[in-house]
Amino acid sequence: MALRKVESANASQLGLRMGEPKPTPALRAVHVTVNNSAREIGLRFYPNWRVPSESVISRVFANGGYSESAEDLSWWVTSDGNSLNPCPVLVKAKKGWDSVQALLVPQI
């Protein structure tokens, strides 16, 4: 669970403004690694993107365990509406202590 970059940077100040609600953390891809093979075929993935609620990653975070699901990278959308290019992926997600480790395998 994490805040958007701008929310995180302003978190201490937001609490000081009268009537301003503190931002609510969302499930986000905080640590992201893209391997060379993925880069070579043009795949990009960015840290701190909110995890889509329909993703198996969200379900595993809520319920624990391990699960796999066929998904599409176009589901990942920023708060201002930008999204990743469509790309079918197999998502393998496993719950840790307070996080989920996920492997996204392109199906192209």
Protein backbone atom coordinates (compact mmCIF):
# COMPACT_ATOMS: atom_id res chain seq x y z
CA MET A 1 0.00 0.00 0.00
CA ALA A 2 1.42 3.37 -0.99
CA LEU A 3 0.51 6.93 -1.92
CA ARG A 4 0.96 8.62 -5.29
CA LYS A 5 4.34 10.39 -5.56
CA VAL A 6 2.81 13.84 -5.15
CA GLU A 7 0.69 12.66 -2.20
CA SER A 8 3.71 11.12 -0.54
CA ALA A 9 5.79 14.27 -1.01
CA ASN A 10 3.03 16.44 0.45
CA ALA A 11 1.74 14.01 3.10
CA SER A 12 3.04 15.95 6.08
CA GLN A 13 1.69 19.25 4.74
CA LEU A 14 -1.73 17.85 3.78
CA GLY A 15 -2.44 16.93 7.38
CA LEU A 16 -1.82 20.51 8.48
CA ARG A 17 -4.39 22.13 6.18
CA MET A 18 -7.76 22.58 7.84
CA GLY A 19 -10.45 20.47 6.22
CA GLU A 20 -8.09 18.65 3.84
CA PRO A 21 -8.54 14.89 4.11
CA LYS A 22 -5.39 12.83 4.23
CA PRO A 23 -4.89 10.74 1.08
CA THR A 24 -5.69 7.04 1.25
CA PRO A 25 -2.94 4.62 0.23
CA ALA A 26 -3.72 2.27 -2.66
CA LEU A 27 -2.16 -1.01 -3.73
CA ARG A 28 0.74 0.03 -5.98
CA ALA A 29 3.63 -1.61 -7.83
CA VAL A 30 6.29 -0.06 -5.62
CA HIS A 31 9.35 -2.07 -6.70
CA VAL A 32 9.50 -2.82 -10.44
CA THR A 33 12.14 -4.63 -12.47
CA VAL A 34 11.95 -5.10 -16.25
CA ASN A 35 14.44 -7.58 -17.68
CA ASN A 36 16.41 -7.08 -20.90
CA SER A 37 14.27 -9.50 -22.91
CA ALA A 38 11.14 -7.52 -22.06
CA ARG A 39 12.86 -4.23 -22.92
CA GLU A 40 13.99 -5.62 -26.27
CA ILE A 41 10.40 -6.34 -27.31
CA GLY A 42 9.30 -2.87 -26.19
CA LEU A 43 7.63 -3.63 -22.87
CA ARG A 44 7.64 -0.87 -20.29
CA PHE A 45 6.39 -0.91 -16.72
CA TYR A 46 6.62 1.94 -14.24
CA PRO A 47 7.05 1.99 -10.47
CA ASN A 48 4.27 3.29 -8.22
CA TRP A 49 1.41 2.58 -10.64
CA ARG A 50 -1.84 1.65 -8.94
CA VAL A 51 -2.62 -2.07 -9.27
CA PRO A 52 -5.93 -2.55 -11.15
CA SER A 53 -8.71 -3.89 -8.93
CA GLU A 54 -9.50 -6.59 -11.53
CA SER A 55 -5.92 -7.91 -11.42
CA VAL A 56 -5.09 -11.19 -9.71
CA ILE A 57 -2.48 -9.16 -7.78
CA SER A 58 -5.30 -7.32 -5.96
CA ARG A 59 -7.15 -10.55 -5.21
CA VAL A 60 -4.01 -12.23 -3.84
CA PHE A 61 -3.21 -9.18 -1.72
CA ALA A 62 -6.72 -9.32 -0.21
CA ASN A 63 -7.06 -13.09 0.15
CA GLY A 64 -3.49 -14.40 0.40
CA GLY A 65 -2.02 -17.48 -1.23
CA TYR A 66 -0.92 -17.91 -4.82
CA SER A 67 -2.83 -17.49 -8.07
CA GLU A 68 -2.30 -17.03 -11.81
CA SER A 69 -4.40 -15.17 -14.36
CA ALA A 70 -4.34 -14.10 -18.00
CA GLU A 71 -4.51 -10.29 -18.06
CA ASP A 72 -3.59 -7.33 -20.27
CA LEU A 73 -1.15 -4.52 -19.48
CA SER A 74 -3.65 -1.98 -20.85
CA TRP A 75 -5.56 -2.43 -17.56
CA TRP A 76 -2.82 -0.43 -15.80
CA VAL A 77 -3.98 3.20 -15.89
CA THR A 78 -2.57 6.29 -14.18
CA SER A 79 -4.78 8.73 -12.28
CA ASP A 80 -4.66 11.09 -15.28
CA GLY A 81 -5.82 8.38 -17.70
CA ASN A 82 -2.56 7.24 -19.31
CA SER A 83 -2.23 3.50 -19.77
CA LEU A 84 0.31 0.93 -20.86
CA ASN A 85 0.13 -0.42 -24.40
CA PRO A 86 -2.06 -3.50 -24.83
CA CYS A 87 -0.08 -6.66 -24.21
CA PRO A 88 -1.46 -9.99 -23.02
CA VAL A 89 0.43 -11.30 -19.99
CA LEU A 90 0.26 -14.24 -17.62
CA VAL A 91 0.37 -12.87 -14.08
CA LYS A 92 1.70 -15.11 -11.31
CA ALA A 93 1.10 -13.57 -7.88
CA LYS A 94 2.10 -14.74 -4.39
CA LYS A 95 1.29 -13.05 -1.10
CA GLY A 96 4.17 -12.18 1.24
CA TRP A 97 3.95 -10.61 4.69
CA ASP A 98 2.32 -7.34 3.71
CA SER A 99 2.95 -7.37 -0.02
CA VAL A 100 2.56 -9.42 -3.18
CA GLN A 101 5.36 -10.59 -5.44
CA ALA A 102 4.18 -10.84 -9.02
CA LEU A 103 5.74 -12.08 -12.23
CA LEU A 104 4.23 -10.81 -15.48
CA VAL A 105 5.08 -13.01 -18.45
CA PRO A 106 4.26 -11.61 -21.93
CA GLN A 107 2.12 -13.95 -24.02
CA ILE A 108 3.23 -12.71 -27.44
